[in-house]
Amino acid sequence: MFALARLGRLGLSVGMAAVLVTGLSTAAQAATGQIRYFSVDGQQFTITDPPDNVCITLQVRAASIANETDRTVNVYLGTSCATFVTALEPGRGVSSVGGPQSVRVIG
């Protein structure tokens, strides 16, 4: 009888641990769509479905940048998202903003 009770408690403990681990882990969120940007010579670059709240370094300084995602995108000078330039709402774009080098999707 005691062995059966111990086995039941062990099963309950393992089950609760699995629920806690599964319940606490969340999938990374991402914007749907693209961030398109262009170099000064007109070359186009695209970031598809960028993750939320991650600083993304652009491949080149952007002469213009367009937010074609479903989330707001913050635009920064430098590669570490330190010097804020502007926030681009979905469907908005800008040019001639000082050559931004990084972006962050705000989730």
PDB file of N, CA and C in Angstrom:
ATOM      1  N   MET A   1       0.814  -1.182   0.000  1.00  0.00           N
ATOM      2  CA  MET A   1       0.000   0.000   0.000  1.00  0.00           C
ATOM      3  C   MET A   1       0.866   1.258   0.000  1.00  0.00           C
ATOM      4  N   PHE A   2       1.929   1.240   0.853  1.00  0.00           N
ATOM      5  CA  PHE A   2       2.814   2.394   0.910  1.00  0.00           C
ATOM      6  C   PHE A   2       3.556   2.577  -0.411  1.00  0.00           C
ATOM      7  N   ALA A   3       3.938   1.476  -1.057  1.00  0.00           N
ATOM      8  CA  ALA A   3       4.640   1.549  -2.340  1.00  0.00           C
ATOM      9  C   ALA A   3       3.751   2.179  -3.396  1.00  0.00           C
ATOM     10  N   LEU A   4       2.480   1.833  -3.406  1.00  0.00           N
ATOM     11  CA  LEU A   4       1.545   2.395  -4.363  1.00  0.00           C
ATOM     12  C   LEU A   4       1.345   3.890  -4.115  1.00  0.00           C
ATOM     13  N   ALA A   5       1.277   4.296  -2.859  1.00  0.00           N
ATOM     14  CA  ALA A   5       1.129   5.710  -2.511  1.00  0.00           C
ATOM     15  C   ALA A   5       2.370   6.490  -2.922  1.00  0.00           C
ATOM     16  N   ARG A   6       3.559   5.899  -2.702  1.00  0.00           N
ATOM     17  CA  ARG A   6       4.810   6.549  -3.098  1.00  0.00           C
ATOM     18  C   ARG A   6       4.874   6.712  -4.604  1.00  0.00           C
ATOM     19  N   LEU A   7       4.476   5.682  -5.322  1.00  0.00           N
ATOM     20  CA  LEU A   7       4.478   5.723  -6.777  1.00  0.00           C
ATOM     21  C   LEU A   7       3.507   6.802  -7.279  1.00  0.00           C
ATOM     22  N   GLY A   8       2.368   6.911  -6.637  1.00  0.00           N
ATOM     23  CA  GLY A   8       1.385   7.941  -7.012  1.00  0.00           C
ATOM     24  C   GLY A   8       1.925   9.344  -6.781  1.00  0.00           C
ATOM     25  N   ARG A   9       2.592   9.538  -5.637  1.00  0.00           N
ATOM     26  CA  ARG A   9       3.180  10.850  -5.349  1.00  0.00           C
ATOM     27  C   ARG A   9       4.302  11.175  -6.313  1.00  0.00           C
ATOM     28  N   LEU A  10       5.096  10.185  -6.670  1.00  0.00           N
ATOM     29  CA  LEU A  10       6.181  10.386  -7.624  1.00  0.00           C
ATOM     30  C   LEU A  10       5.603  10.794  -8.982  1.00  0.00           C
ATOM     31  N   GLY A  11       4.567  10.072  -9.409  1.00  0.00           N
ATOM     32  CA  GLY A  11       3.925  10.403 -10.687  1.00  0.00           C
ATOM     33  C   GLY A  11       3.340  11.806 -10.668  1.00  0.00           C
ATOM     34  N   LEU A  12       2.710  12.169  -9.567  1.00  0.00           N
ATOM     35  CA  LEU A  12       2.137  13.505  -9.429  1.00  0.00           C
ATOM     36  C   LEU A  12       3.232  14.572  -9.461  1.00  0.00           C
ATOM     37  N   SER A  13       4.344  14.314  -8.786  1.00  0.00           N
ATOM     38  CA  SER A  13       5.461  15.268  -8.770  1.00  0.00           C
ATOM     39  C   SER A  13       6.047  15.466 -10.164  1.00  0.00           C
ATOM     40  N   VAL A  14       6.258  14.360 -10.870  1.00  0.00           N
ATOM     41  CA  VAL A  14       6.807  14.445 -12.223  1.00  0.00           C
ATOM     42  C   VAL A  14       5.834  15.189 -13.136  1.00  0.00           C
ATOM     43  N   GLY A  15       4.562  14.880 -13.015  1.00  0.00           N
ATOM     44  CA  GLY A  15       3.544  15.555 -13.828  1.00  0.00           C
ATOM     45  C   GLY A  15       3.490  17.042 -13.561  1.00  0.00           C
ATOM     46  N   MET A  16       3.537  17.432 -12.280  1.00  0.00           N
ATOM     47  CA  MET A  16       3.509  18.851 -11.938  1.00  0.00           C
ATOM     48  C   MET A  16       4.751  19.568 -12.449  1.00  0.00           C
ATOM     49  N   ALA A  17       5.899  18.918 -12.365  1.00  0.00           N
ATOM     50  CA  ALA A  17       7.133  19.515 -12.867  1.00  0.00           C
ATOM     51  C   ALA A  17       7.039  19.744 -14.377  1.00  0.00           C
ATOM     52  N   ALA A  18       6.488  18.774 -15.090  1.00  0.00           N
ATOM     53  CA  ALA A  18       6.333  18.911 -16.541  1.00  0.00           C
ATOM     54  C   ALA A  18       5.395  20.065 -16.882  1.00  0.00           C
ATOM     55  N   VAL A  19       4.309  20.202 -16.122  1.00  0.00           N
ATOM     56  CA  VAL A  19       3.367  21.301 -16.365  1.00  0.00           C
ATOM     57  C   VAL A  19       4.037  22.641 -16.098  1.00  0.00           C
ATOM     58  N   LEU A  20       4.789  22.734 -15.015  1.00  0.00           N
ATOM     59  CA  LEU A  20       5.477  23.984 -14.704  1.00  0.00           C
ATOM     60  C   LEU A  20       6.473  24.364 -15.775  1.00  0.00           C
ATOM     61  N   VAL A  21       7.275  23.425 -16.216  1.00  0.00           N
ATOM     62  CA  VAL A  21       8.276  23.706 -17.247  1.00  0.00           C
ATOM     63  C   VAL A  21       7.597  24.104 -18.543  1.00  0.00           C
ATOM     64  N   THR A  22       6.601  23.368 -18.947  1.00  0.00           N
ATOM     65  CA  THR A  22       5.893  23.666 -20.187  1.00  0.00           C
ATOM     66  C   THR A  22       5.133  24.977 -20.079  1.00  0.00           C
ATOM     67  N   GLY A  23       4.522  25.205 -18.952  1.00  0.00           N
ATOM     68  CA  GLY A  23       3.739  26.422 -18.770  1.00  0.00           C
ATOM     69  C   GLY A  23       4.584  27.671 -18.715  1.00  0.00           C
ATOM     70  N   LEU A  24       5.788  27.590 -18.222  1.00  0.00           N
ATOM     71  CA  LEU A  24       6.645  28.752 -18.092  1.00  0.00           C
ATOM     72  C   LEU A  24       7.413  29.070 -19.361  1.00  0.00           C
ATOM     73  N   SER A  25       7.590  28.107 -20.247  1.00  0.00           N
ATOM     74  CA  SER A  25       8.315  28.391 -21.478  1.00  0.00           C
ATOM     75  C   SER A  25       7.350  28.971 -22.492  1.00  0.00           C
ATOM     76  N   THR A  26       7.770  30.052 -23.139  1.00  0.00           N
ATOM     77  CA  THR A  26       6.928  30.689 -24.144  1.00  0.00           C
ATOM     78  C   THR A  26       7.692  30.757 -25.448  1.00  0.00           C
ATOM     79  N   ALA A  27       6.977  30.681 -26.533  1.00  0.00           N
ATOM     80  CA  ALA A  27       7.601  30.781 -27.838  1.00  0.00           C
ATOM     81  C   ALA A  27       8.027  32.223 -28.086  1.00  0.00           C
ATOM     82  N   ALA A  28       9.134  32.396 -28.786  1.00  0.00           N
ATOM     83  CA  ALA A  28       9.588  33.731 -29.139  1.00  0.00           C
ATOM     84  C   ALA A  28       8.586  34.357 -30.099  1.00  0.00           C
ATOM     85  N   GLN A  29       8.289  35.621 -29.871  1.00  0.00           N
ATOM     86  CA  GLN A  29       7.353  36.329 -30.721  1.00  0.00           C
ATOM     87  C   GLN A  29       8.113  36.979 -31.868  1.00  0.00           C
ATOM     88  N   ALA A  30       7.437  37.150 -32.980  1.00  0.00           N
ATOM     89  CA  ALA A  30       8.044  37.801 -34.128  1.00  0.00           C
ATOM     90  C   ALA A  30       6.983  38.594 -34.862  1.00  0.00           C
ATOM     91  N   ALA A  31       7.430  39.673 -35.484  1.00  0.00           N
ATOM     92  CA  ALA A  31       6.542  40.449 -36.337  1.00  0.00           C
ATOM     93  C   ALA A  31       6.303  39.660 -37.615  1.00  0.00           C
ATOM     94  N   THR A  32       5.177  39.901 -38.241  1.00  0.00           N
ATOM     95  CA  THR A  32       4.880  39.283 -39.525  1.00  0.00           C
ATOM     96  C   THR A  32       5.085  40.338 -40.601  1.00  0.00           C
ATOM     97  N   GLY A  33       5.878  40.004 -41.591  1.00  0.00           N
ATOM     98  CA  GLY A  33       6.139  40.936 -42.681  1.00  0.00           C
ATOM     99  C   GLY A  33       7.618  41.185 -42.846  1.00  0.00           C
ATOM    100  N   GLN A  34       7.946  42.324 -43.465  1.00  0.00           N
ATOM    101  CA  GLN A  34       9.337  42.620 -43.784  1.00  0.00           C
ATOM    102  C   GLN A  34       9.721  44.040 -43.390  1.00  0.00           C
ATOM    103  N   ILE A  35      10.991  44.184 -43.082  1.00  0.00           N
ATOM    104  CA  ILE A  35      11.611  45.499 -42.991  1.00  0.00           C
ATOM    105  C   ILE A  35      12.493  45.583 -44.230  1.00  0.00           C
ATOM    106  N   ARG A  36      12.219  46.567 -45.082  1.00  0.00           N
ATOM    107  CA  ARG A  36      13.033  46.749 -46.284  1.00  0.00           C
ATOM    108  C   ARG A  36      13.863  48.008 -46.110  1.00  0.00           C
ATOM    109  N   TYR A  37      15.131  47.935 -46.503  1.00  0.00           N
ATOM    110  CA  TYR A  37      15.965  49.123 -46.459  1.00  0.00           C
ATOM    111  C   TYR A  37      16.883  49.135 -47.672  1.00  0.00           C
ATOM    112  N   PHE A  38      17.339  50.346 -48.009  1.00  0.00           N
ATOM    113  CA  PHE A  38      18.140  50.551 -49.208  1.00  0.00           C
ATOM    114  C   PHE A  38      19.434  51.259 -48.848  1.00  0.00           C
ATOM    115  N   SER A  39      20.512  50.848 -49.497  1.00  0.00           N
ATOM    116  CA  SER A  39      21.802  51.514 -49.324  1.00  0.00           C
ATOM    117  C   SER A  39      21.800  52.801 -50.140  1.00  0.00           C
ATOM    118  N   VAL A  40      22.833  53.626 -49.983  1.00  0.00           N
ATOM    119  CA  VAL A  40      22.906  54.882 -50.730  1.00  0.00           C
ATOM    120  C   VAL A  40      22.984  54.643 -52.234  1.00  0.00           C
ATOM    121  N   ASP A  41      23.487  53.483 -52.662  1.00  0.00           N
ATOM    122  CA  ASP A  41      23.557  53.198 -54.103  1.00  0.00           C
ATOM    123  C   ASP A  41      22.321  52.454 -54.611  1.00  0.00           C
ATOM    124  N   GLY A  42      21.288  52.333 -53.761  1.00  0.00           N
ATOM    125  CA  GLY A  42      20.020  51.763 -54.179  1.00  0.00           C
ATOM    126  C   GLY A  42      19.859  50.267 -54.019  1.00  0.00           C
ATOM    127  N   GLN A  43      20.846  49.591 -53.443  1.00  0.00           N
ATOM    128  CA  GLN A  43      20.734  48.142 -53.235  1.00  0.00           C
ATOM    129  C   GLN A  43      19.710  47.875 -52.133  1.00  0.00           C
ATOM    130  N   GLN A  44      18.809  46.932 -52.383  1.00  0.00           N
ATOM    131  CA  GLN A  44      17.745  46.617 -51.425  1.00  0.00           C
ATOM    132  C   GLN A  44      18.137  45.452 -50.531  1.00  0.00           C
ATOM    133  N   PHE A  45      17.768  45.561 -49.252  1.00  0.00           N
ATOM    134  CA  PHE A  45      17.964  44.505 -48.266  1.00  0.00           C
ATOM    135  C   PHE A  45      16.633  44.264 -47.574  1.00  0.00           C
ATOM    136  N   THR A  46      16.404  43.023 -47.136  1.00  0.00           N
ATOM    137  CA  THR A  46      15.128  42.672 -46.518  1.00  0.00           C
ATOM    138  C   THR A  46      15.352  41.832 -45.269  1.00  0.00           C
ATOM    139  N   ILE A  47      14.607  42.134 -44.231  1.00  0.00           N
ATOM    140  CA  ILE A  47      14.563  41.321 -43.019  1.00  0.00           C
ATOM    141  C   ILE A  47      13.132  40.797 -42.929  1.00  0.00           C
ATOM    142  N   THR A  48      12.962  39.484 -43.019  1.00  0.00           N
ATOM    143  CA  THR A  48      11.633  38.885 -43.024  1.00  0.00           C
ATOM    144  C   THR A  48      11.267  38.342 -41.649  1.00  0.00           C
ATOM    145  N   ASP A  49      10.057  38.644 -41.199  1.00  0.00           N
ATOM    146  CA  ASP A  49       9.529  38.200 -39.909  1.00  0.00           C
ATOM    147  C   ASP A  49      10.534  38.388 -38.764  1.00  0.00           C
ATOM    148  N   PRO A  50      10.966  39.634 -38.534  1.00  0.00           N
ATOM    149  CA  PRO A  50      11.970  39.878 -37.495  1.00  0.00           C
ATOM    150  C   PRO A  50      11.432  39.588 -36.095  1.00  0.00           C
ATOM    151  N   PRO A  51      12.278  39.072 -35.199  1.00  0.00           N
ATOM    152  CA  PRO A  51      11.849  38.778 -33.823  1.00  0.00           C
ATOM    153  C   PRO A  51      11.603  40.068 -33.032  1.00  0.00           C
ATOM    154  N   ASP A  52      10.721  39.992 -32.058  1.00  0.00           N
ATOM    155  CA  ASP A  52      10.433  41.127 -31.187  1.00  0.00           C
ATOM    156  C   ASP A  52      11.578  41.357 -30.207  1.00  0.00           C
ATOM    157  N   ASN A  53      11.799  42.623 -29.904  1.00  0.00           N
ATOM    158  CA  ASN A  53      12.714  43.047 -28.839  1.00  0.00           C
ATOM    159  C   ASN A  53      14.136  42.526 -28.986  1.00  0.00           C
ATOM    160  N   VAL A  54      14.593  42.391 -30.221  1.00  0.00           N
ATOM    161  CA  VAL A  54      15.968  41.975 -30.502  1.00  0.00           C
ATOM    162  C   VAL A  54      16.607  43.048 -31.370  1.00  0.00           C
ATOM    163  N   CYS A  55      17.789  43.512 -30.987  1.00  0.00           N
ATOM    164  CA  CYS A  55      18.496  44.491 -31.800  1.00  0.00           C
ATOM    165  C   CYS A  55      19.045  43.783 -33.032  1.00  0.00           C
ATOM    166  N   ILE A  56      18.686  44.275 -34.207  1.00  0.00           N
ATOM    167  CA  ILE A  56      19.142  43.686 -35.465  1.00  0.00           C
ATOM    168  C   ILE A  56      20.050  44.692 -36.153  1.00  0.00           C
ATOM    169  N   THR A  57      21.290  44.290 -36.421  1.00  0.00           N
ATOM    170  CA  THR A  57      22.235  45.136 -37.123  1.00  0.00           C
ATOM    171  C   THR A  57      21.987  45.023 -38.623  1.00  0.00           C
ATOM    172  N   LEU A  58      21.848  46.157 -39.279  1.00  0.00           N
ATOM    173  CA  LEU A  58      21.636  46.178 -40.715  1.00  0.00           C
ATOM    174  C   LEU A  58      22.944  45.858 -41.437  1.00  0.00           C
ATOM    175  N   GLN A  59      22.851  45.328 -42.643  1.00  0.00           N
ATOM    176  CA  GLN A  59      24.047  44.959 -43.408  1.00  0.00           C
ATOM    177  C   GLN A  59      24.811  46.178 -43.898  1.00  0.00           C
ATOM    178  N   VAL A  60      24.103  47.276 -44.142  1.00  0.00           N
ATOM    179  CA  VAL A  60      24.716  48.534 -44.583  1.00  0.00           C
ATOM    180  C   VAL A  60      23.971  49.682 -43.911  1.00  0.00           C
ATOM    181  N   ARG A  61      24.583  50.869 -43.946  1.00  0.00           N
ATOM    182  CA  ARG A  61      23.854  52.060 -43.491  1.00  0.00           C
ATOM    183  C   ARG A  61      22.677  52.262 -44.427  1.00  0.00           C
ATOM    184  N   ALA A  62      21.524  52.520 -43.858  1.00  0.00           N
ATOM    185  CA  ALA A  62      20.310  52.658 -44.662  1.00  0.00           C
ATOM    186  C   ALA A  62      20.102  54.104 -45.109  1.00  0.00           C
ATOM    187  N   ALA A  63      19.925  54.274 -46.418  1.00  0.00           N
ATOM    188  CA  ALA A  63      19.551  55.593 -46.943  1.00  0.00           C
ATOM    189  C   ALA A  63      18.053  55.797 -46.766  1.00  0.00           C
ATOM    190  N   SER A  64      17.290  54.702 -46.841  1.00  0.00           N
ATOM    191  CA  SER A  64      15.855  54.730 -46.562  1.00  0.00           C
ATOM    192  C   SER A  64      15.465  53.382 -45.977  1.00  0.00           C
ATOM    193  N   ILE A  65      14.380  53.395 -45.212  1.00  0.00           N
ATOM    194  CA  ILE A  65      13.940  52.178 -44.540  1.00  0.00           C
ATOM    195  C   ILE A  65      12.416  52.186 -44.460  1.00  0.00           C
ATOM    196  N   ALA A  66      11.791  51.012 -44.681  1.00  0.00           N
ATOM    197  CA  ALA A  66      10.337  50.902 -44.667  1.00  0.00           C
ATOM    198  C   ALA A  66       9.913  49.750 -43.772  1.00  0.00           C
ATOM    199  N   ASN A  67       8.911  50.008 -42.951  1.00  0.00           N
ATOM    200  CA  ASN A  67       8.363  48.986 -42.060  1.00  0.00           C
ATOM    201  C   ASN A  67       7.117  48.388 -42.709  1.00  0.00           C
ATOM    202  N   GLU A  68       7.245  47.177 -43.211  1.00  0.00           N
ATOM    203  CA  GLU A  68       6.116  46.469 -43.816  1.00  0.00           C
ATOM    204  C   GLU A  68       5.701  45.293 -42.945  1.00  0.00           C
ATOM    205  N   THR A  69       5.865  45.460 -41.615  1.00  0.00           N
ATOM    206  CA  THR A  69       5.462  44.436 -40.652  1.00  0.00           C
ATOM    207  C   THR A  69       4.171  44.868 -39.974  1.00  0.00           C
ATOM    208  N   ASP A  70       3.704  44.042 -39.058  1.00  0.00           N
ATOM    209  CA  ASP A  70       2.498  44.366 -38.286  1.00  0.00           C
ATOM    210  C   ASP A  70       2.809  44.961 -36.921  1.00  0.00           C
ATOM    211  N   ARG A  71       4.071  45.329 -36.692  1.00  0.00           N
ATOM    212  CA  ARG A  71       4.499  45.899 -35.411  1.00  0.00           C
ATOM    213  C   ARG A  71       5.288  47.181 -35.637  1.00  0.00           C
ATOM    214  N   THR A  72       5.437  47.968 -34.589  1.00  0.00           N
ATOM    215  CA  THR A  72       6.262  49.173 -34.644  1.00  0.00           C
ATOM    216  C   THR A  72       7.734  48.779 -34.653  1.00  0.00           C
ATOM    217  N   VAL A  73       8.528  49.480 -35.452  1.00  0.00           N
ATOM    218  CA  VAL A  73       9.965  49.231 -35.544  1.00  0.00           C
ATOM    219  C   VAL A  73      10.690  50.506 -35.123  1.00  0.00           C
ATOM    220  N   ASN A  74      11.575  50.387 -34.133  1.00  0.00           N
ATOM    221  CA  ASN A  74      12.419  51.505 -33.743  1.00  0.00           C
ATOM    222  C   ASN A  74      13.696  51.459 -34.571  1.00  0.00           C
ATOM    223  N   VAL A  75      14.143  52.629 -35.014  1.00  0.00           N
ATOM    224  CA  VAL A  75      15.318  52.761 -35.874  1.00  0.00           C
ATOM    225  C   VAL A  75      16.403  53.487 -35.075  1.00  0.00           C
ATOM    226  N   TYR A  76      17.655  52.996 -35.190  1.00  0.00           N
ATOM    227  CA  TYR A  76      18.768  53.531 -34.392  1.00  0.00           C
ATOM    228  C   TYR A  76      19.998  53.808 -35.247  1.00  0.00           C
ATOM    229  N   LEU A  77      20.773  54.807 -34.836  1.00  0.00           N
ATOM    230  CA  LEU A  77      22.113  55.002 -35.381  1.00  0.00           C
ATOM    231  C   LEU A  77      23.033  54.022 -34.672  1.00  0.00           C
ATOM    232  N   GLY A  78      24.104  53.624 -35.284  1.00  0.00           N
ATOM    233  CA  GLY A  78      25.024  52.675 -34.670  1.00  0.00           C
ATOM    234  C   GLY A  78      24.473  51.267 -34.727  1.00  0.00           C
ATOM    235  N   THR A  79      25.314  50.302 -34.400  1.00  0.00           N
ATOM    236  CA  THR A  79      24.951  48.889 -34.541  1.00  0.00           C
ATOM    237  C   THR A  79      24.403  48.243 -33.280  1.00  0.00           C
ATOM    238  N   SER A  80      24.268  48.997 -32.199  1.00  0.00           N
ATOM    239  CA  SER A  80      23.847  48.381 -30.935  1.00  0.00           C
ATOM    240  C   SER A  80      22.515  48.915 -30.407  1.00  0.00           C
ATOM    241  N   CYS A  81      21.720  49.530 -31.272  1.00  0.00           N
ATOM    242  CA  CYS A  81      20.410  50.072 -30.869  1.00  0.00           C
ATOM    243  C   CYS A  81      20.521  51.039 -29.692  1.00  0.00           C
ATOM    244  N   ALA A  82      21.557  51.865 -29.692  1.00  0.00           N
ATOM    245  CA  ALA A  82      21.765  52.778 -28.572  1.00  0.00           C
ATOM    246  C   ALA A  82      21.244  54.187 -28.846  1.00  0.00           C
ATOM    247  N   THR A  83      21.371  54.694 -30.074  1.00  0.00           N
ATOM    248  CA  THR A  83      20.978  56.062 -30.379  1.00  0.00           C
ATOM    249  C   THR A  83      19.700  56.048 -31.199  1.00  0.00           C
ATOM    250  N   PHE A  84      18.579  56.304 -30.526  1.00  0.00           N
ATOM    251  CA  PHE A  84      17.265  56.256 -31.153  1.00  0.00           C
ATOM    252  C   PHE A  84      17.114  57.361 -32.197  1.00  0.00           C
ATOM    253  N   VAL A  85      16.549  56.999 -33.365  1.00  0.00           N
ATOM    254  CA  VAL A  85      16.287  57.968 -34.427  1.00  0.00           C
ATOM    255  C   VAL A  85      14.796  58.227 -34.561  1.00  0.00           C
ATOM    256  N   THR A  86      14.012  57.153 -34.763  1.00  0.00           N
ATOM    257  CA  THR A  86      12.577  57.310 -34.963  1.00  0.00           C
ATOM    258  C   THR A  86      11.873  55.972 -34.762  1.00  0.00           C
ATOM    259  N   ALA A  87      10.567  56.042 -34.585  1.00  0.00           N
ATOM    260  CA  ALA A  87       9.732  54.842 -34.518  1.00  0.00           C
ATOM    261  C   ALA A  87       8.890  54.804 -35.787  1.00  0.00           C
ATOM    262  N   LEU A  88       8.902  53.656 -36.453  1.00  0.00           N
ATOM    263  CA  LEU A  88       8.117  53.482 -37.674  1.00  0.00           C
ATOM    264  C   LEU A  88       6.914  52.598 -37.376  1.00  0.00           C
ATOM    265  N   GLU A  89       5.739  53.181 -37.469  1.00  0.00           N
ATOM    266  CA  GLU A  89       4.512  52.403 -37.322  1.00  0.00           C
ATOM    267  C   GLU A  89       4.375  51.482 -38.536  1.00  0.00           C
ATOM    268  N   PRO A  90       3.574  50.431 -38.447  1.00  0.00           N
ATOM    269  CA  PRO A  90       3.374  49.551 -39.603  1.00  0.00           C
ATOM    270  C   PRO A  90       2.953  50.347 -40.848  1.00  0.00           C
ATOM    271  N   GLY A  91       3.606  50.038 -41.966  1.00  0.00           N
ATOM    272  CA  GLY A  91       3.296  50.698 -43.229  1.00  0.00           C
ATOM    273  C   GLY A  91       3.999  52.025 -43.450  1.00  0.00           C
ATOM    274  N   ARG A  92       4.858  52.431 -42.532  1.00  0.00           N
ATOM    275  CA  ARG A  92       5.541  53.722 -42.635  1.00  0.00           C
ATOM    276  C   ARG A  92       7.002  53.534 -43.043  1.00  0.00           C
ATOM    277  N   GLY A  93       7.549  54.504 -43.745  1.00  0.00           N
ATOM    278  CA  GLY A  93       8.949  54.485 -44.136  1.00  0.00           C
ATOM    279  C   GLY A  93       9.551  55.874 -44.023  1.00  0.00           C
ATOM    280  N   VAL A  94      10.877  55.948 -43.996  1.00  0.00           N
ATOM    281  CA  VAL A  94      11.581  57.231 -43.933  1.00  0.00           C
ATOM    282  C   VAL A  94      12.856  57.138 -44.762  1.00  0.00           C
ATOM    283  N   SER A  95      13.349  58.296 -45.149  1.00  0.00           N
ATOM    284  CA  SER A  95      14.644  58.374 -45.808  1.00  0.00           C
ATOM    285  C   SER A  95      15.391  59.578 -45.261  1.00  0.00           C
ATOM    286  N   SER A  96      16.693  59.595 -45.496  1.00  0.00           N
ATOM    287  CA  SER A  96      17.541  60.704 -45.057  1.00  0.00           C
ATOM    288  C   SER A  96      17.434  60.963 -43.561  1.00  0.00           C
ATOM    289  N   VAL A  97      17.621  59.895 -42.771  1.00  0.00           N
ATOM    290  CA  VAL A  97      17.572  60.048 -41.311  1.00  0.00           C
ATOM    291  C   VAL A  97      18.933  59.789 -40.675  1.00  0.00           C
ATOM    292  N   GLY A  98      20.006  60.025 -41.410  1.00  0.00           N
ATOM    293  CA  GLY A  98      21.340  59.926 -40.831  1.00  0.00           C
ATOM    294  C   GLY A  98      22.036  58.592 -40.996  1.00  0.00           C
ATOM    295  N   GLY A  99      21.505  57.693 -41.796  1.00  0.00           N
ATOM    296  CA  GLY A  99      22.175  56.418 -42.028  1.00  0.00           C
ATOM    297  C   GLY A  99      22.059  55.438 -40.884  1.00  0.00           C
ATOM    298  N   PRO A 100      20.838  55.062 -40.488  1.00  0.00           N
ATOM    299  CA  PRO A 100      20.697  54.114 -39.380  1.00  0.00           C
ATOM    300  C   PRO A 100      21.376  52.786 -39.686  1.00  0.00           C
ATOM    301  N   GLN A 101      21.807  52.121 -38.621  1.00  0.00           N
ATOM    302  CA  GLN A 101      22.517  50.854 -38.746  1.00  0.00           C
ATOM    303  C   GLN A 101      21.892  49.719 -37.970  1.00  0.00           C
ATOM    304  N   SER A 102      20.817  49.982 -37.214  1.00  0.00           N
ATOM    305  CA  SER A 102      20.166  48.904 -36.468  1.00  0.00           C
ATOM    306  C   SER A 102      18.699  49.234 -36.245  1.00  0.00           C
ATOM    307  N   VAL A 103      17.926  48.172 -35.994  1.00  0.00           N
ATOM    308  CA  VAL A 103      16.484  48.289 -35.762  1.00  0.00           C
ATOM    309  C   VAL A 103      16.077  47.333 -34.660  1.00  0.00           C
ATOM    310  N   ARG A 104      14.916  47.616 -34.056  1.00  0.00           N
ATOM    311  CA  ARG A 104      14.347  46.733 -33.043  1.00  0.00           C
ATOM    312  C   ARG A 104      12.824  46.761 -33.193  1.00  0.00           C
ATOM    313  N   VAL A 105      12.221  45.571 -33.336  1.00  0.00           N
ATOM    314  CA  VAL A 105      10.771  45.461 -33.394  1.00  0.00           C
ATOM    315  C   VAL A 105      10.253  45.534 -31.964  1.00  0.00           C
ATOM    316  N   ILE A 106       9.249  46.377 -31.762  1.00  0.00           N
ATOM    317  CA  ILE A 106       8.668  46.543 -30.431  1.00  0.00           C
ATOM    318  C   ILE A 106       7.437  45.657 -30.345  1.00  0.00           C
ATOM    319  N   GLY A 107       7.512  44.638 -29.467  1.00  0.00           N
ATOM    320  CA  GLY A 107       6.437  43.656 -29.354  1.00  0.00           C
ATOM    321  C   GLY A 107       5.404  44.002 -28.341  1.00  0.00           C
TER     322      GLY A 107
END
